[in-house]
N, C-alpha and C. Protein backbone atom coordinates (compact mmCIF):
# COMPACT_ATOMS: atom_id res chain seq x y z
N UNK A 1 0.84 -1.18 0.00
CA UNK A 1 0.00 0.00 0.00
C UNK A 1 0.88 1.24 0.00
N UNK A 2 0.86 1.97 -1.05
CA UNK A 2 1.63 3.21 -1.12
C UNK A 2 1.02 4.25 -0.18
N UNK A 3 1.90 4.97 0.50
CA UNK A 3 1.47 6.07 1.37
C UNK A 3 0.53 5.65 2.48
N UNK A 4 0.64 4.43 2.94
CA UNK A 4 -0.13 3.98 4.09
C UNK A 4 0.84 3.78 5.25
N UNK A 5 0.56 4.46 6.33
CA UNK A 5 1.43 4.39 7.50
C UNK A 5 0.58 3.97 8.68
N UNK A 6 1.12 3.08 9.48
CA UNK A 6 0.34 2.60 10.61
C UNK A 6 1.24 2.15 11.75
N UNK A 7 0.64 2.08 12.92
CA UNK A 7 1.26 1.51 14.10
C UNK A 7 0.18 0.67 14.76
N UNK A 8 0.24 -0.62 14.52
CA UNK A 8 -0.76 -1.52 15.08
C UNK A 8 -0.01 -2.61 15.85
N UNK A 9 -0.18 -2.60 17.16
CA UNK A 9 0.50 -3.58 18.01
C UNK A 9 -0.57 -4.42 18.70
N UNK A 10 -0.45 -5.73 18.52
CA UNK A 10 -1.45 -6.65 19.06
C UNK A 10 -0.76 -7.75 19.86
N UNK A 11 -1.26 -7.98 21.07
CA UNK A 11 -0.84 -9.15 21.85
C UNK A 11 -1.88 -10.23 21.63
N UNK A 12 -1.41 -11.39 21.19
CA UNK A 12 -2.27 -12.53 20.93
C UNK A 12 -2.03 -13.55 22.04
N UNK A 13 -3.11 -14.10 22.57
CA UNK A 13 -3.01 -15.09 23.64
C UNK A 13 -3.90 -16.27 23.27
N UNK A 14 -3.34 -17.49 23.31
CA UNK A 14 -4.17 -18.67 23.12
C UNK A 14 -3.60 -19.85 23.90
N UNK A 15 -4.45 -20.85 24.11
CA UNK A 15 -4.12 -21.95 25.02
C UNK A 15 -4.04 -23.30 24.28
N UNK A 16 -3.36 -24.22 24.94
CA UNK A 16 -3.35 -25.61 24.50
C UNK A 16 -4.75 -26.18 24.77
N UNK A 17 -5.21 -27.07 23.90
CA UNK A 17 -6.53 -27.66 24.07
C UNK A 17 -6.67 -28.25 25.47
N UNK A 18 -7.80 -27.96 26.08
CA UNK A 18 -8.14 -28.40 27.44
C UNK A 18 -7.16 -27.86 28.49
N UNK A 19 -6.39 -26.85 28.08
CA UNK A 19 -5.39 -26.24 28.96
C UNK A 19 -4.39 -27.27 29.47
N UNK A 20 -4.16 -28.31 28.68
CA UNK A 20 -3.16 -29.31 29.06
C UNK A 20 -1.78 -28.66 29.04
N UNK A 21 -0.96 -28.98 30.01
CA UNK A 21 0.39 -28.43 30.12
C UNK A 21 1.35 -29.26 29.26
N UNK A 22 1.30 -29.06 27.94
CA UNK A 22 2.07 -29.90 27.02
C UNK A 22 3.30 -29.22 26.43
N UNK A 23 3.40 -27.90 26.57
CA UNK A 23 4.57 -27.21 26.02
C UNK A 23 5.71 -27.36 27.02
N UNK A 24 6.70 -28.11 26.61
CA UNK A 24 7.81 -28.45 27.50
C UNK A 24 8.94 -27.45 27.37
N UNK A 25 9.58 -27.16 28.47
CA UNK A 25 10.71 -26.24 28.53
C UNK A 25 11.80 -26.63 27.53
N UNK A 26 11.99 -27.93 27.30
CA UNK A 26 13.08 -28.40 26.45
C UNK A 26 12.89 -28.08 24.98
N UNK A 27 11.64 -27.85 24.54
CA UNK A 27 11.43 -27.55 23.12
C UNK A 27 10.65 -26.26 22.87
N UNK A 28 10.35 -25.51 23.91
CA UNK A 28 9.57 -24.29 23.70
C UNK A 28 10.32 -23.27 22.85
N UNK A 29 11.65 -23.15 22.99
CA UNK A 29 12.39 -22.20 22.16
C UNK A 29 12.29 -22.54 20.68
N UNK A 30 12.33 -23.84 20.38
CA UNK A 30 12.18 -24.26 18.98
C UNK A 30 10.79 -23.90 18.45
N UNK A 31 9.77 -24.06 19.29
CA UNK A 31 8.40 -23.67 18.92
C UNK A 31 8.33 -22.17 18.68
N UNK A 32 8.92 -21.39 19.57
CA UNK A 32 8.88 -19.93 19.43
C UNK A 32 9.59 -19.48 18.15
N UNK A 33 10.71 -20.11 17.83
CA UNK A 33 11.42 -19.78 16.59
C UNK A 33 10.55 -20.13 15.37
N UNK A 34 9.89 -21.26 15.44
CA UNK A 34 9.03 -21.68 14.33
C UNK A 34 7.89 -20.69 14.13
N UNK A 35 7.24 -20.29 15.23
CA UNK A 35 6.15 -19.32 15.15
C UNK A 35 6.66 -17.98 14.65
N UNK A 36 7.85 -17.58 15.07
CA UNK A 36 8.46 -16.34 14.57
C UNK A 36 8.58 -16.40 13.05
N UNK A 37 9.01 -17.54 12.54
CA UNK A 37 9.12 -17.71 11.09
C UNK A 37 7.78 -17.58 10.38
N UNK A 38 6.74 -18.14 10.96
CA UNK A 38 5.40 -18.03 10.37
C UNK A 38 5.00 -16.56 10.29
N UNK A 39 5.17 -15.84 11.38
CA UNK A 39 4.79 -14.42 11.44
C UNK A 39 5.59 -13.62 10.41
N UNK A 40 6.88 -13.87 10.33
CA UNK A 40 7.72 -13.15 9.37
C UNK A 40 7.35 -13.49 7.93
N UNK A 41 7.04 -14.76 7.67
CA UNK A 41 6.63 -15.16 6.31
C UNK A 41 5.32 -14.51 5.89
N UNK A 42 4.53 -14.11 6.86
CA UNK A 42 3.28 -13.40 6.59
C UNK A 42 3.51 -11.88 6.57
N UNK A 43 4.79 -11.49 6.56
CA UNK A 43 5.21 -10.09 6.47
C UNK A 43 4.75 -9.23 7.65
N UNK A 44 4.72 -9.86 8.83
CA UNK A 44 4.42 -9.14 10.07
C UNK A 44 5.68 -9.18 10.92
N UNK A 45 5.73 -8.36 11.94
CA UNK A 45 6.92 -8.29 12.79
C UNK A 45 6.60 -8.85 14.17
N UNK A 46 7.30 -9.90 14.55
CA UNK A 46 7.14 -10.46 15.89
C UNK A 46 8.05 -9.67 16.83
N UNK A 47 7.46 -9.12 17.88
CA UNK A 47 8.21 -8.31 18.84
C UNK A 47 8.58 -9.13 20.07
N UNK A 48 7.67 -9.97 20.55
CA UNK A 48 7.95 -10.79 21.74
C UNK A 48 7.08 -12.04 21.69
N UNK A 49 7.64 -13.12 22.22
CA UNK A 49 6.89 -14.38 22.31
C UNK A 49 7.38 -15.12 23.55
N UNK A 50 6.44 -15.69 24.29
CA UNK A 50 6.77 -16.49 25.47
C UNK A 50 5.48 -17.12 25.96
N UNK A 51 5.59 -17.98 26.91
CA UNK A 51 4.39 -18.59 27.44
C UNK A 51 4.67 -19.51 28.60
N UNK A 52 3.71 -20.35 28.80
CA UNK A 52 3.73 -21.34 29.87
C UNK A 52 3.43 -22.69 29.23
N UNK A 53 3.48 -23.77 29.98
CA UNK A 53 3.19 -25.07 29.40
C UNK A 53 1.78 -25.19 28.81
N UNK A 54 0.85 -24.31 29.23
CA UNK A 54 -0.53 -24.44 28.76
C UNK A 54 -1.04 -23.29 27.90
N UNK A 55 -0.20 -22.25 27.66
CA UNK A 55 -0.65 -21.14 26.81
C UNK A 55 0.54 -20.33 26.31
N UNK A 56 0.25 -19.41 25.39
CA UNK A 56 1.30 -18.64 24.75
C UNK A 56 0.86 -17.19 24.56
N UNK A 57 1.82 -16.28 24.61
CA UNK A 57 1.62 -14.85 24.36
C UNK A 57 2.52 -14.45 23.20
N UNK A 58 1.97 -13.72 22.23
CA UNK A 58 2.74 -13.24 21.08
C UNK A 58 2.40 -11.77 20.89
N UNK A 59 3.43 -10.92 20.81
CA UNK A 59 3.22 -9.50 20.52
C UNK A 59 3.74 -9.24 19.12
N UNK A 60 2.86 -8.72 18.27
CA UNK A 60 3.27 -8.45 16.89
C UNK A 60 2.96 -7.00 16.51
N UNK A 61 3.74 -6.51 15.57
CA UNK A 61 3.43 -5.26 14.88
C UNK A 61 2.79 -5.68 13.56
N UNK A 62 1.56 -5.28 13.38
CA UNK A 62 0.78 -5.73 12.20
C UNK A 62 0.73 -4.66 11.12
N UNK A 63 0.77 -5.11 9.90
CA UNK A 63 0.49 -4.24 8.76
C UNK A 63 -1.02 -4.17 8.61
N UNK A 64 -1.53 -3.07 8.09
CA UNK A 64 -2.98 -2.94 7.96
C UNK A 64 -3.60 -3.93 6.97
N UNK A 65 -2.79 -4.53 6.12
CA UNK A 65 -3.32 -5.51 5.17
C UNK A 65 -3.48 -6.90 5.79
N UNK A 66 -2.99 -7.08 7.00
CA UNK A 66 -3.04 -8.39 7.66
C UNK A 66 -4.43 -8.64 8.23
N UNK A 67 -4.92 -9.85 8.02
CA UNK A 67 -6.15 -10.29 8.65
C UNK A 67 -5.74 -11.10 9.87
N UNK A 68 -6.02 -10.57 11.06
CA UNK A 68 -5.55 -11.18 12.30
C UNK A 68 -6.05 -12.62 12.45
N UNK A 69 -7.31 -12.86 12.18
CA UNK A 69 -7.85 -14.21 12.32
C UNK A 69 -7.13 -15.20 11.42
N UNK A 70 -6.84 -14.79 10.19
CA UNK A 70 -6.10 -15.67 9.27
C UNK A 70 -4.69 -15.93 9.78
N UNK A 71 -4.05 -14.89 10.31
CA UNK A 71 -2.70 -15.06 10.84
C UNK A 71 -2.68 -16.04 12.01
N UNK A 72 -3.58 -15.86 12.96
CA UNK A 72 -3.62 -16.76 14.12
C UNK A 72 -3.97 -18.18 13.69
N UNK A 73 -4.90 -18.31 12.76
CA UNK A 73 -5.25 -19.64 12.25
C UNK A 73 -4.02 -20.33 11.66
N UNK A 74 -3.22 -19.59 10.89
CA UNK A 74 -2.01 -20.16 10.29
C UNK A 74 -0.97 -20.51 11.36
N UNK A 75 -0.80 -19.64 12.34
CA UNK A 75 0.15 -19.92 13.42
C UNK A 75 -0.24 -21.21 14.13
N UNK A 76 -1.51 -21.32 14.49
CA UNK A 76 -1.96 -22.50 15.24
C UNK A 76 -1.90 -23.76 14.39
N UNK A 77 -2.37 -23.68 13.17
CA UNK A 77 -2.38 -24.87 12.29
C UNK A 77 -0.97 -25.36 12.02
N UNK A 78 -0.09 -24.45 11.60
CA UNK A 78 1.27 -24.85 11.25
C UNK A 78 2.07 -25.31 12.46
N UNK A 79 1.93 -24.62 13.59
CA UNK A 79 2.69 -25.03 14.77
C UNK A 79 2.16 -26.34 15.34
N UNK A 80 0.86 -26.57 15.22
CA UNK A 80 0.27 -27.86 15.59
C UNK A 80 0.96 -28.99 14.84
N UNK A 81 1.02 -28.84 13.53
CA UNK A 81 1.65 -29.85 12.67
C UNK A 81 3.12 -30.01 13.04
N UNK A 82 3.81 -28.89 13.23
CA UNK A 82 5.23 -28.91 13.58
C UNK A 82 5.47 -29.70 14.86
N UNK A 83 4.70 -29.41 15.90
CA UNK A 83 4.86 -30.07 17.20
C UNK A 83 4.60 -31.58 17.07
N UNK A 84 3.54 -31.94 16.37
CA UNK A 84 3.19 -33.36 16.24
C UNK A 84 4.18 -34.11 15.35
N UNK A 85 4.63 -33.48 14.24
CA UNK A 85 5.60 -34.16 13.37
C UNK A 85 6.94 -34.34 14.05
N UNK A 86 7.35 -33.38 14.87
CA UNK A 86 8.60 -33.49 15.62
C UNK A 86 8.46 -34.41 16.84
N UNK A 87 7.25 -34.80 17.14
CA UNK A 87 6.93 -35.66 18.28
C UNK A 87 7.51 -35.08 19.59
N UNK A 88 7.33 -33.77 19.73
CA UNK A 88 7.79 -33.10 20.95
C UNK A 88 7.01 -33.59 22.17
N UNK A 89 5.74 -33.84 21.97
CA UNK A 89 4.89 -34.28 23.07
C UNK A 89 4.54 -35.76 22.89
N UNK A 90 4.50 -36.49 23.99
CA UNK A 90 4.09 -37.89 23.88
C UNK A 90 2.57 -38.00 23.71
N UNK A 91 1.88 -36.88 23.87
CA UNK A 91 0.44 -36.83 23.66
C UNK A 91 0.15 -36.05 22.38
N UNK A 92 -1.00 -36.29 21.78
CA UNK A 92 -1.39 -35.53 20.60
C UNK A 92 -1.57 -34.07 20.99
N UNK A 93 -0.91 -33.19 20.27
CA UNK A 93 -0.94 -31.77 20.59
C UNK A 93 -1.94 -31.04 19.71
N UNK A 94 -2.69 -30.14 20.34
CA UNK A 94 -3.63 -29.30 19.59
C UNK A 94 -3.89 -28.03 20.38
N UNK A 95 -3.96 -26.90 19.66
CA UNK A 95 -4.34 -25.65 20.30
C UNK A 95 -5.85 -25.61 20.47
N UNK A 96 -6.29 -24.98 21.52
CA UNK A 96 -7.72 -24.81 21.75
C UNK A 96 -8.28 -23.78 20.77
N UNK A 97 -9.55 -23.90 20.43
CA UNK A 97 -10.19 -22.93 19.55
C UNK A 97 -10.20 -21.56 20.20
N UNK A 98 -10.18 -20.53 19.38
CA UNK A 98 -10.29 -19.17 19.86
C UNK A 98 -8.96 -18.59 20.29
N UNK A 99 -8.97 -17.29 20.53
CA UNK A 99 -7.79 -16.57 20.98
C UNK A 99 -8.21 -15.21 21.51
N UNK A 100 -7.32 -14.60 22.25
CA UNK A 100 -7.51 -13.23 22.69
C UNK A 100 -6.58 -12.33 21.91
N UNK A 101 -7.03 -11.12 21.58
CA UNK A 101 -6.21 -10.15 20.88
C UNK A 101 -6.41 -8.80 21.55
N UNK A 102 -5.31 -8.20 21.98
CA UNK A 102 -5.37 -6.97 22.76
C UNK A 102 -4.42 -5.96 22.14
N UNK A 103 -4.90 -4.75 21.89
CA UNK A 103 -4.10 -3.74 21.20
C UNK A 103 -3.42 -2.80 22.19
N UNK A 104 -2.27 -2.28 21.75
CA UNK A 104 -1.45 -1.40 22.58
C UNK A 104 -0.92 -0.24 21.76
N UNK A 105 -0.61 0.84 22.46
CA UNK A 105 0.04 1.97 21.81
C UNK A 105 1.56 1.76 21.85
N UNK A 106 2.26 2.52 21.03
CA UNK A 106 3.72 2.42 20.98
C UNK A 106 4.35 2.67 22.35
N UNK A 107 3.79 3.60 23.10
CA UNK A 107 4.36 3.94 24.42
C UNK A 107 4.21 2.80 25.44
N UNK A 108 3.35 1.83 25.18
CA UNK A 108 3.15 0.71 26.10
C UNK A 108 4.02 -0.50 25.79
N UNK A 109 4.72 -0.47 24.66
CA UNK A 109 5.44 -1.66 24.19
C UNK A 109 6.46 -2.19 25.19
N UNK A 110 7.22 -1.31 25.82
CA UNK A 110 8.23 -1.76 26.78
C UNK A 110 7.62 -2.58 27.90
N UNK A 111 6.51 -2.11 28.43
CA UNK A 111 5.83 -2.84 29.51
C UNK A 111 5.27 -4.17 29.02
N UNK A 112 4.71 -4.18 27.83
CA UNK A 112 4.12 -5.42 27.29
C UNK A 112 5.21 -6.45 27.00
N UNK A 113 6.31 -6.01 26.42
CA UNK A 113 7.43 -6.92 26.16
C UNK A 113 7.94 -7.50 27.47
N UNK A 114 8.13 -6.68 28.46
CA UNK A 114 8.60 -7.14 29.77
C UNK A 114 7.61 -8.15 30.36
N UNK A 115 6.34 -7.84 30.27
CA UNK A 115 5.29 -8.73 30.77
C UNK A 115 5.37 -10.10 30.09
N UNK A 116 5.53 -10.11 28.77
CA UNK A 116 5.59 -11.37 28.03
C UNK A 116 6.87 -12.12 28.37
N UNK A 117 7.98 -11.43 28.44
CA UNK A 117 9.26 -12.08 28.75
C UNK A 117 9.28 -12.68 30.15
N UNK A 118 8.47 -12.16 31.05
CA UNK A 118 8.47 -12.62 32.44
C UNK A 118 7.26 -13.50 32.78
N UNK A 119 6.77 -14.24 31.81
CA UNK A 119 5.61 -15.08 32.03
C UNK A 119 5.82 -16.10 33.15
N UNK A 120 6.98 -16.70 33.22
CA UNK A 120 7.21 -17.74 34.23
C UNK A 120 7.08 -17.16 35.64
N UNK A 121 7.65 -15.98 35.85
CA UNK A 121 7.55 -15.34 37.16
C UNK A 121 6.12 -14.86 37.42
N UNK A 122 5.51 -14.29 36.40
CA UNK A 122 4.15 -13.76 36.53
C UNK A 122 3.17 -14.85 36.99
N UNK A 123 3.31 -16.04 36.41
CA UNK A 123 2.35 -17.10 36.71
C UNK A 123 2.66 -17.85 38.00
N UNK A 124 3.66 -17.42 38.71
CA UNK A 124 3.84 -17.92 40.07
C UNK A 124 2.83 -17.25 41.01
N UNK A 125 2.28 -16.11 40.55
CA UNK A 125 1.35 -15.32 41.37
C UNK A 125 -0.09 -15.39 40.90
N UNK A 126 -0.32 -15.71 39.64
CA UNK A 126 -1.67 -15.66 39.09
C UNK A 126 -1.87 -16.78 38.08
N UNK A 127 -3.05 -17.37 38.08
CA UNK A 127 -3.36 -18.45 37.13
C UNK A 127 -3.64 -17.87 35.76
N UNK A 128 -3.54 -18.70 34.74
CA UNK A 128 -3.86 -18.25 33.38
C UNK A 128 -5.32 -17.81 33.30
N UNK A 129 -6.21 -18.54 33.94
CA UNK A 129 -7.63 -18.17 33.91
C UNK A 129 -7.83 -16.76 34.47
N UNK A 130 -7.24 -16.49 35.63
CA UNK A 130 -7.38 -15.16 36.24
C UNK A 130 -6.71 -14.09 35.38
N UNK A 131 -5.56 -14.43 34.80
CA UNK A 131 -4.87 -13.49 33.92
C UNK A 131 -5.75 -13.14 32.72
N UNK A 132 -6.35 -14.14 32.11
CA UNK A 132 -7.16 -13.92 30.92
C UNK A 132 -8.41 -13.11 31.26
N UNK A 133 -9.04 -13.43 32.36
CA UNK A 133 -10.21 -12.65 32.79
C UNK A 133 -9.83 -11.20 33.07
N UNK A 134 -8.64 -10.98 33.63
CA UNK A 134 -8.16 -9.61 33.85
C UNK A 134 -8.00 -8.86 32.53
N UNK A 135 -7.46 -9.54 31.52
CA UNK A 135 -7.35 -8.91 30.20
C UNK A 135 -8.73 -8.47 29.69
N UNK A 136 -9.69 -9.37 29.78
CA UNK A 136 -11.02 -9.06 29.27
C UNK A 136 -11.64 -7.88 30.02
N UNK A 137 -11.44 -7.85 31.32
CA UNK A 137 -11.98 -6.74 32.12
C UNK A 137 -11.23 -5.44 31.84
N UNK A 138 -9.90 -5.50 31.81
CA UNK A 138 -9.09 -4.30 31.59
C UNK A 138 -9.41 -3.66 30.24
N UNK A 139 -9.62 -4.48 29.23
CA UNK A 139 -9.90 -3.98 27.89
C UNK A 139 -11.40 -3.78 27.64
N UNK A 140 -12.19 -3.99 28.71
CA UNK A 140 -13.64 -3.80 28.67
C UNK A 140 -14.29 -4.59 27.52
N UNK A 141 -13.91 -5.87 27.45
CA UNK A 141 -14.44 -6.76 26.43
C UNK A 141 -15.58 -7.56 27.03
N UNK A 142 -16.76 -7.41 26.45
CA UNK A 142 -17.90 -8.21 26.91
C UNK A 142 -17.68 -9.65 26.46
N UNK A 143 -18.04 -10.58 27.32
CA UNK A 143 -17.84 -11.98 26.98
C UNK A 143 -18.91 -12.83 27.65
N UNK A 144 -19.12 -13.97 27.05
CA UNK A 144 -20.02 -14.98 27.58
C UNK A 144 -19.13 -16.11 28.10
N UNK A 145 -19.21 -16.41 29.38
CA UNK A 145 -18.38 -17.44 29.98
C UNK A 145 -18.47 -18.79 29.29
N UNK A 146 -19.59 -19.05 28.60
CA UNK A 146 -19.74 -20.32 27.88
C UNK A 146 -18.80 -20.40 26.68
N UNK A 147 -18.30 -19.25 26.22
CA UNK A 147 -17.46 -19.23 25.03
C UNK A 147 -16.00 -18.92 25.31
N UNK A 148 -15.63 -18.91 26.57
CA UNK A 148 -14.23 -18.75 26.92
C UNK A 148 -13.53 -20.09 26.73
N UNK A 149 -12.20 -20.10 26.93
CA UNK A 149 -11.47 -21.36 26.88
C UNK A 149 -12.12 -22.35 27.85
N UNK A 150 -12.00 -23.61 27.53
CA UNK A 150 -12.48 -24.64 28.45
C UNK A 150 -11.48 -24.72 29.59
N UNK A 151 -11.95 -24.42 30.79
CA UNK A 151 -11.07 -24.43 31.95
C UNK A 151 -11.16 -25.79 32.63
N UNK A 152 -10.03 -26.44 32.77
CA UNK A 152 -9.99 -27.76 33.38
C UNK A 152 -9.73 -27.62 34.87
């Protein structure tokens, strides 16, 4: 797009199906590198990625031509296949349906990057369920509890 300028920063959050803790410390870096490649191949900029055994956080700078739902669908589909083909998990791996997407201004990026990089410490104090509900409340997103992630 000629003469189109934008600053669109989105944090994407999604969980492993049934919130199973299947993302292992020993291969999570390989998963993050793979997802980074997917994002870059879609001509978006990955700023930060990290997570826990049962969910993941990704901060991207999006171009206005990007369809977020298509991007997340591709990330989940391709990384699903990657994890299962590499046999990283002894169980069948699958991401849960749905995702959260939260927008930020440029001035907030430092805090968001720090937050994502410190997921392991953060989740010593708060569960993923409580964290996700806080996001929905903070961003004033109306939701129906029946359509949230399946909490085990």
